[in-house]
Amino acid sequence: MASALGNWRRHAVAALLVAAAFGCAALLASRTATYGAFLVAFAVWMGWFVLTAVDVIREAEF
């Protein structure tokens, strides 16, 4: 499990995508942009979660 969570590139890319989405929303300063940033953050989180879960299952010894 530690090696699945040790993929720092995945964490960095996810954090940068979310930060960029909220940065753009802050620059645009509209409710629609903020809503879009939340949607992007949710999609990034779901992608991160699925990829991490696949790594955990791949490394599990059943």
PDB file of N, CA and C in Angstrom:
ATOM      1  N   MET A   1       0.821  -1.187   0.000  1.00  0.00           N
ATOM      2  CA  MET A   1       0.000   0.000   0.000  1.00  0.00           C
ATOM      3  C   MET A   1       0.872   1.260   0.000  1.00  0.00           C
ATOM      4  N   ALA A   2       1.975   1.203   0.707  1.00  0.00           N
ATOM      5  CA  ALA A   2       2.847   2.374   0.777  1.00  0.00           C
ATOM      6  C   ALA A   2       3.402   2.733  -0.598  1.00  0.00           C
ATOM      7  N   SER A   3       3.729   1.729  -1.401  1.00  0.00           N
ATOM      8  CA  SER A   3       4.276   2.045  -2.726  1.00  0.00           C
ATOM      9  C   SER A   3       3.190   2.590  -3.655  1.00  0.00           C
ATOM     10  N   ALA A   4       1.949   2.145  -3.477  1.00  0.00           N
ATOM     11  CA  ALA A   4       0.854   2.687  -4.291  1.00  0.00           C
ATOM     12  C   ALA A   4       0.607   4.150  -3.947  1.00  0.00           C
ATOM     13  N   LEU A   5       0.757   4.491  -2.675  1.00  0.00           N
ATOM     14  CA  LEU A   5       0.575   5.879  -2.257  1.00  0.00           C
ATOM     15  C   LEU A   5       1.845   6.699  -2.425  1.00  0.00           C
ATOM     16  N   GLY A   6       2.941   6.040  -2.793  1.00  0.00           N
ATOM     17  CA  GLY A   6       4.208   6.727  -2.950  1.00  0.00           C
ATOM     18  C   GLY A   6       4.430   7.316  -4.332  1.00  0.00           C
ATOM     19  N   ASN A   7       3.444   7.241  -5.192  1.00  0.00           N
ATOM     20  CA  ASN A   7       3.573   7.787  -6.544  1.00  0.00           C
ATOM     21  C   ASN A   7       3.430   9.307  -6.480  1.00  0.00           C
ATOM     22  N   TRP A   8       4.526   9.987  -6.224  1.00  0.00           N
ATOM     23  CA  TRP A   8       4.483  11.435  -6.010  1.00  0.00           C
ATOM     24  C   TRP A   8       4.114  12.197  -7.274  1.00  0.00           C
ATOM     25  N   ARG A   9       4.407  11.646  -8.436  1.00  0.00           N
ATOM     26  CA  ARG A   9       4.047  12.338  -9.685  1.00  0.00           C
ATOM     27  C   ARG A   9       2.534  12.424  -9.838  1.00  0.00           C
ATOM     28  N   ARG A  10       1.851  11.339  -9.510  1.00  0.00           N
ATOM     29  CA  ARG A  10       0.387  11.340  -9.581  1.00  0.00           C
ATOM     30  C   ARG A  10      -0.184  12.382  -8.627  1.00  0.00           C
ATOM     31  N   HIS A  11       0.357  12.446  -7.424  1.00  0.00           N
ATOM     32  CA  HIS A  11      -0.126  13.414  -6.439  1.00  0.00           C
ATOM     33  C   HIS A  11       0.143  14.842  -6.907  1.00  0.00           C
ATOM     34  N   ALA A  12       1.331  15.071  -7.451  1.00  0.00           N
ATOM     35  CA  ALA A  12       1.700  16.416  -7.904  1.00  0.00           C
ATOM     36  C   ALA A  12       0.830  16.872  -9.073  1.00  0.00           C
ATOM     37  N   VAL A  13       0.598  15.983 -10.025  1.00  0.00           N
ATOM     38  CA  VAL A  13      -0.231  16.341 -11.184  1.00  0.00           C
ATOM     39  C   VAL A  13      -1.657  16.632 -10.737  1.00  0.00           C
ATOM     40  N   ALA A  14      -2.184  15.814  -9.841  1.00  0.00           N
ATOM     41  CA  ALA A  14      -3.541  16.042  -9.343  1.00  0.00           C
ATOM     42  C   ALA A  14      -3.630  17.382  -8.624  1.00  0.00           C
ATOM     43  N   ALA A  15      -2.664  17.666  -7.775  1.00  0.00           N
ATOM     44  CA  ALA A  15      -2.682  18.931  -7.035  1.00  0.00           C
ATOM     45  C   ALA A  15      -2.549  20.127  -7.975  1.00  0.00           C
ATOM     46  N   LEU A  16      -1.697  20.013  -8.982  1.00  0.00           N
ATOM     47  CA  LEU A  16      -1.526  21.117  -9.933  1.00  0.00           C
ATOM     48  C   LEU A  16      -2.782  21.354 -10.773  1.00  0.00           C
ATOM     49  N   LEU A  17      -3.436  20.282 -11.184  1.00  0.00           N
ATOM     50  CA  LEU A  17      -4.671  20.438 -11.958  1.00  0.00           C
ATOM     51  C   LEU A  17      -5.755  21.127 -11.142  1.00  0.00           C
ATOM     52  N   VAL A  18      -5.890  20.718  -9.888  1.00  0.00           N
ATOM     53  CA  VAL A  18      -6.903  21.334  -9.027  1.00  0.00           C
ATOM     54  C   VAL A  18      -6.545  22.791  -8.748  1.00  0.00           C
ATOM     55  N   ALA A  19      -5.278  23.054  -8.472  1.00  0.00           N
ATOM     56  CA  ALA A  19      -4.853  24.433  -8.216  1.00  0.00           C
ATOM     57  C   ALA A  19      -5.065  25.309  -9.449  1.00  0.00           C
ATOM     58  N   ALA A  20      -4.777  24.777 -10.623  1.00  0.00           N
ATOM     59  CA  ALA A  20      -4.980  25.544 -11.857  1.00  0.00           C
ATOM     60  C   ALA A  20      -6.460  25.841 -12.081  1.00  0.00           C
ATOM     61  N   ALA A  21      -7.311  24.859 -11.813  1.00  0.00           N
ATOM     62  CA  ALA A  21      -8.750  25.071 -11.995  1.00  0.00           C
ATOM     63  C   ALA A  21      -9.262  26.163 -11.063  1.00  0.00           C
ATOM     64  N   PHE A  22      -8.852  26.108  -9.799  1.00  0.00           N
ATOM     65  CA  PHE A  22      -9.315  27.129  -8.861  1.00  0.00           C
ATOM     66  C   PHE A  22      -8.634  28.475  -9.108  1.00  0.00           C
ATOM     67  N   GLY A  23      -7.421  28.448  -9.627  1.00  0.00           N
ATOM     68  CA  GLY A  23      -6.765  29.696 -10.006  1.00  0.00           C
ATOM     69  C   GLY A  23      -7.497  30.389 -11.140  1.00  0.00           C
ATOM     70  N   CYS A  24      -7.880  29.624 -12.138  1.00  0.00           N
ATOM     71  CA  CYS A  24      -8.659  30.191 -13.249  1.00  0.00           C
ATOM     72  C   CYS A  24     -10.008  30.708 -12.761  1.00  0.00           C
ATOM     73  N   ALA A  25     -10.636  29.960 -11.866  1.00  0.00           N
ATOM     74  CA  ALA A  25     -11.925  30.396 -11.325  1.00  0.00           C
ATOM     75  C   ALA A  25     -11.771  31.696 -10.547  1.00  0.00           C
ATOM     76  N   ALA A  26     -10.677  31.832  -9.814  1.00  0.00           N
ATOM     77  CA  ALA A  26     -10.445  33.068  -9.059  1.00  0.00           C
ATOM     78  C   ALA A  26     -10.212  34.245 -10.001  1.00  0.00           C
ATOM     79  N   LEU A  27      -9.513  34.004 -11.099  1.00  0.00           N
ATOM     80  CA  LEU A  27      -9.279  35.079 -12.067  1.00  0.00           C
ATOM     81  C   LEU A  27     -10.569  35.505 -12.767  1.00  0.00           C
ATOM     82  N   LEU A  28     -11.409  34.540 -13.075  1.00  0.00           N
ATOM     83  CA  LEU A  28     -12.665  34.854 -13.755  1.00  0.00           C
ATOM     84  C   LEU A  28     -13.712  35.413 -12.800  1.00  0.00           C
ATOM     85  N   ALA A  29     -13.622  35.040 -11.539  1.00  0.00           N
ATOM     86  CA  ALA A  29     -14.494  35.565 -10.477  1.00  0.00           C
ATOM     87  C   ALA A  29     -15.978  35.476 -10.825  1.00  0.00           C
ATOM     88  N   SER A  30     -16.396  34.287 -11.223  1.00  0.00           N
ATOM     89  CA  SER A  30     -17.818  34.080 -11.478  1.00  0.00           C
ATOM     90  C   SER A  30     -18.253  32.770 -10.831  1.00  0.00           C
ATOM     91  N   ARG A  31     -19.542  32.684 -10.593  1.00  0.00           N
ATOM     92  CA  ARG A  31     -20.077  31.460  -9.985  1.00  0.00           C
ATOM     93  C   ARG A  31     -19.908  30.263 -10.922  1.00  0.00           C
ATOM     94  N   THR A  32     -20.073  30.502 -12.195  1.00  0.00           N
ATOM     95  CA  THR A  32     -19.941  29.426 -13.175  1.00  0.00           C
ATOM     96  C   THR A  32     -18.517  28.884 -13.200  1.00  0.00           C
ATOM     97  N   ALA A  33     -17.542  29.766 -13.131  1.00  0.00           N
ATOM     98  CA  ALA A  33     -16.144  29.330 -13.123  1.00  0.00           C
ATOM     99  C   ALA A  33     -15.828  28.552 -11.853  1.00  0.00           C
ATOM    100  N   THR A  34     -16.371  28.993 -10.737  1.00  0.00           N
ATOM    101  CA  THR A  34     -16.158  28.273  -9.478  1.00  0.00           C
ATOM    102  C   THR A  34     -16.804  26.894  -9.539  1.00  0.00           C
ATOM    103  N   TYR A  35     -18.009  26.818 -10.075  1.00  0.00           N
ATOM    104  CA  TYR A  35     -18.683  25.533 -10.238  1.00  0.00           C
ATOM    105  C   TYR A  35     -17.860  24.610 -11.137  1.00  0.00           C
ATOM    106  N   GLY A  36     -17.334  25.155 -12.219  1.00  0.00           N
ATOM    107  CA  GLY A  36     -16.484  24.372 -13.110  1.00  0.00           C
ATOM    108  C   GLY A  36     -15.228  23.889 -12.412  1.00  0.00           C
ATOM    109  N   ALA A  37     -14.652  24.730 -11.560  1.00  0.00           N
ATOM    110  CA  ALA A  37     -13.458  24.326 -10.814  1.00  0.00           C
ATOM    111  C   ALA A  37     -13.773  23.177  -9.869  1.00  0.00           C
ATOM    112  N   PHE A  38     -14.936  23.232  -9.233  1.00  0.00           N
ATOM    113  CA  PHE A  38     -15.332  22.124  -8.366  1.00  0.00           C
ATOM    114  C   PHE A  38     -15.543  20.840  -9.174  1.00  0.00           C
ATOM    115  N   LEU A  39     -16.102  20.956 -10.367  1.00  0.00           N
ATOM    116  CA  LEU A  39     -16.275  19.778 -11.222  1.00  0.00           C
ATOM    117  C   LEU A  39     -14.931  19.198 -11.643  1.00  0.00           C
ATOM    118  N   VAL A  40     -13.996  20.067 -11.993  1.00  0.00           N
ATOM    119  CA  VAL A  40     -12.655  19.610 -12.357  1.00  0.00           C
ATOM    120  C   VAL A  40     -11.996  18.932 -11.165  1.00  0.00           C
ATOM    121  N   ALA A  41     -12.118  19.539  -9.985  1.00  0.00           N
ATOM    122  CA  ALA A  41     -11.523  18.952  -8.779  1.00  0.00           C
ATOM    123  C   ALA A  41     -12.114  17.580  -8.492  1.00  0.00           C
ATOM    124  N   PHE A  42     -13.418  17.440  -8.659  1.00  0.00           N
ATOM    125  CA  PHE A  42     -14.056  16.144  -8.431  1.00  0.00           C
ATOM    126  C   PHE A  42     -13.570  15.111  -9.442  1.00  0.00           C
ATOM    127  N   ALA A  43     -13.486  15.492 -10.705  1.00  0.00           N
ATOM    128  CA  ALA A  43     -13.024  14.559 -11.737  1.00  0.00           C
ATOM    129  C   ALA A  43     -11.578  14.147 -11.502  1.00  0.00           C
ATOM    130  N   VAL A  44     -10.744  15.096 -11.101  1.00  0.00           N
ATOM    131  CA  VAL A  44      -9.341  14.781 -10.810  1.00  0.00           C
ATOM    132  C   VAL A  44      -9.259  13.840  -9.619  1.00  0.00           C
ATOM    133  N   TRP A  45     -10.046  14.117  -8.579  1.00  0.00           N
ATOM    134  CA  TRP A  45     -10.037  13.249  -7.401  1.00  0.00           C
ATOM    135  C   TRP A  45     -10.482  11.836  -7.773  1.00  0.00           C
ATOM    136  N   MET A  46     -11.522  11.712  -8.586  1.00  0.00           N
ATOM    137  CA  MET A  46     -11.996  10.386  -8.985  1.00  0.00           C
ATOM    138  C   MET A  46     -10.931   9.649  -9.792  1.00  0.00           C
ATOM    139  N   GLY A  47     -10.277  10.337 -10.698  1.00  0.00           N
ATOM    140  CA  GLY A  47      -9.200   9.711 -11.460  1.00  0.00           C
ATOM    141  C   GLY A  47      -8.057   9.279 -10.566  1.00  0.00           C
ATOM    142  N   TRP A  48      -7.664  10.154  -9.636  1.00  0.00           N
ATOM    143  CA  TRP A  48      -6.596   9.814  -8.689  1.00  0.00           C
ATOM    144  C   TRP A  48      -6.998   8.598  -7.859  1.00  0.00           C
ATOM    145  N   PHE A  49      -8.227   8.586  -7.378  1.00  0.00           N
ATOM    146  CA  PHE A  49      -8.707   7.495  -6.535  1.00  0.00           C
ATOM    147  C   PHE A  49      -8.696   6.171  -7.286  1.00  0.00           C
ATOM    148  N   VAL A  50      -9.194   6.167  -8.502  1.00  0.00           N
ATOM    149  CA  VAL A  50      -9.249   4.930  -9.291  1.00  0.00           C
ATOM    150  C   VAL A  50      -7.843   4.424  -9.594  1.00  0.00           C
ATOM    151  N   LEU A  51      -6.953   5.305 -10.021  1.00  0.00           N
ATOM    152  CA  LEU A  51      -5.587   4.875 -10.331  1.00  0.00           C
ATOM    153  C   LEU A  51      -4.868   4.349  -9.086  1.00  0.00           C
ATOM    154  N   THR A  52      -5.068   4.997  -7.958  1.00  0.00           N
ATOM    155  CA  THR A  52      -4.446   4.538  -6.717  1.00  0.00           C
ATOM    156  C   THR A  52      -5.045   3.211  -6.273  1.00  0.00           C
ATOM    157  N   ALA A  53      -6.354   3.058  -6.390  1.00  0.00           N
ATOM    158  CA  ALA A  53      -6.997   1.796  -6.017  1.00  0.00           C
ATOM    159  C   ALA A  53      -6.514   0.652  -6.903  1.00  0.00           C
ATOM    160  N   VAL A  54      -6.333   0.915  -8.185  1.00  0.00           N
ATOM    161  CA  VAL A  54      -5.818  -0.118  -9.089  1.00  0.00           C
ATOM    162  C   VAL A  54      -4.419  -0.536  -8.660  1.00  0.00           C
ATOM    163  N   ASP A  55      -3.576   0.422  -8.290  1.00  0.00           N
ATOM    164  CA  ASP A  55      -2.229   0.088  -7.818  1.00  0.00           C
ATOM    165  C   ASP A  55      -2.268  -0.719  -6.528  1.00  0.00           C
ATOM    166  N   VAL A  56      -3.151  -0.353  -5.611  1.00  0.00           N
ATOM    167  CA  VAL A  56      -3.267  -1.091  -4.346  1.00  0.00           C
ATOM    168  C   VAL A  56      -3.708  -2.520  -4.615  1.00  0.00           C
ATOM    169  N   ILE A  57      -4.696  -2.702  -5.470  1.00  0.00           N
ATOM    170  CA  ILE A  57      -5.188  -4.052  -5.780  1.00  0.00           C
ATOM    171  C   ILE A  57      -4.125  -4.850  -6.518  1.00  0.00           C
ATOM    172  N   ARG A  58      -3.398  -4.210  -7.412  1.00  0.00           N
ATOM    173  CA  ARG A  58      -2.342  -4.897  -8.158  1.00  0.00           C
ATOM    174  C   ARG A  58      -1.261  -5.425  -7.218  1.00  0.00           C
ATOM    175  N   GLU A  59      -0.947  -4.671  -6.182  1.00  0.00           N
ATOM    176  CA  GLU A  59       0.118  -5.064  -5.259  1.00  0.00           C
ATOM    177  C   GLU A  59      -0.364  -5.945  -4.111  1.00  0.00           C
ATOM    178  N   ALA A  60      -1.663  -6.146  -4.000  1.00  0.00           N
ATOM    179  CA  ALA A  60      -2.201  -6.956  -2.904  1.00  0.00           C
ATOM    180  C   ALA A  60      -1.880  -8.429  -3.131  1.00  0.00           C
ATOM    181  N   GLU A  61      -1.684  -9.118  -2.042  1.00  0.00           N
ATOM    182  CA  GLU A  61      -1.443 -10.558  -2.102  1.00  0.00           C
ATOM    183  C   GLU A  61      -2.649 -11.263  -1.511  1.00  0.00           C
ATOM    184  N   PHE A  62      -3.455 -11.831  -2.392  1.00  0.00           N
ATOM    185  CA  PHE A  62      -4.667 -12.515  -1.946  1.00  0.00           C
ATOM    186  C   PHE A  62      -4.394 -13.966  -1.693  1.00  0.00           C
TER     187      PHE A  62
END
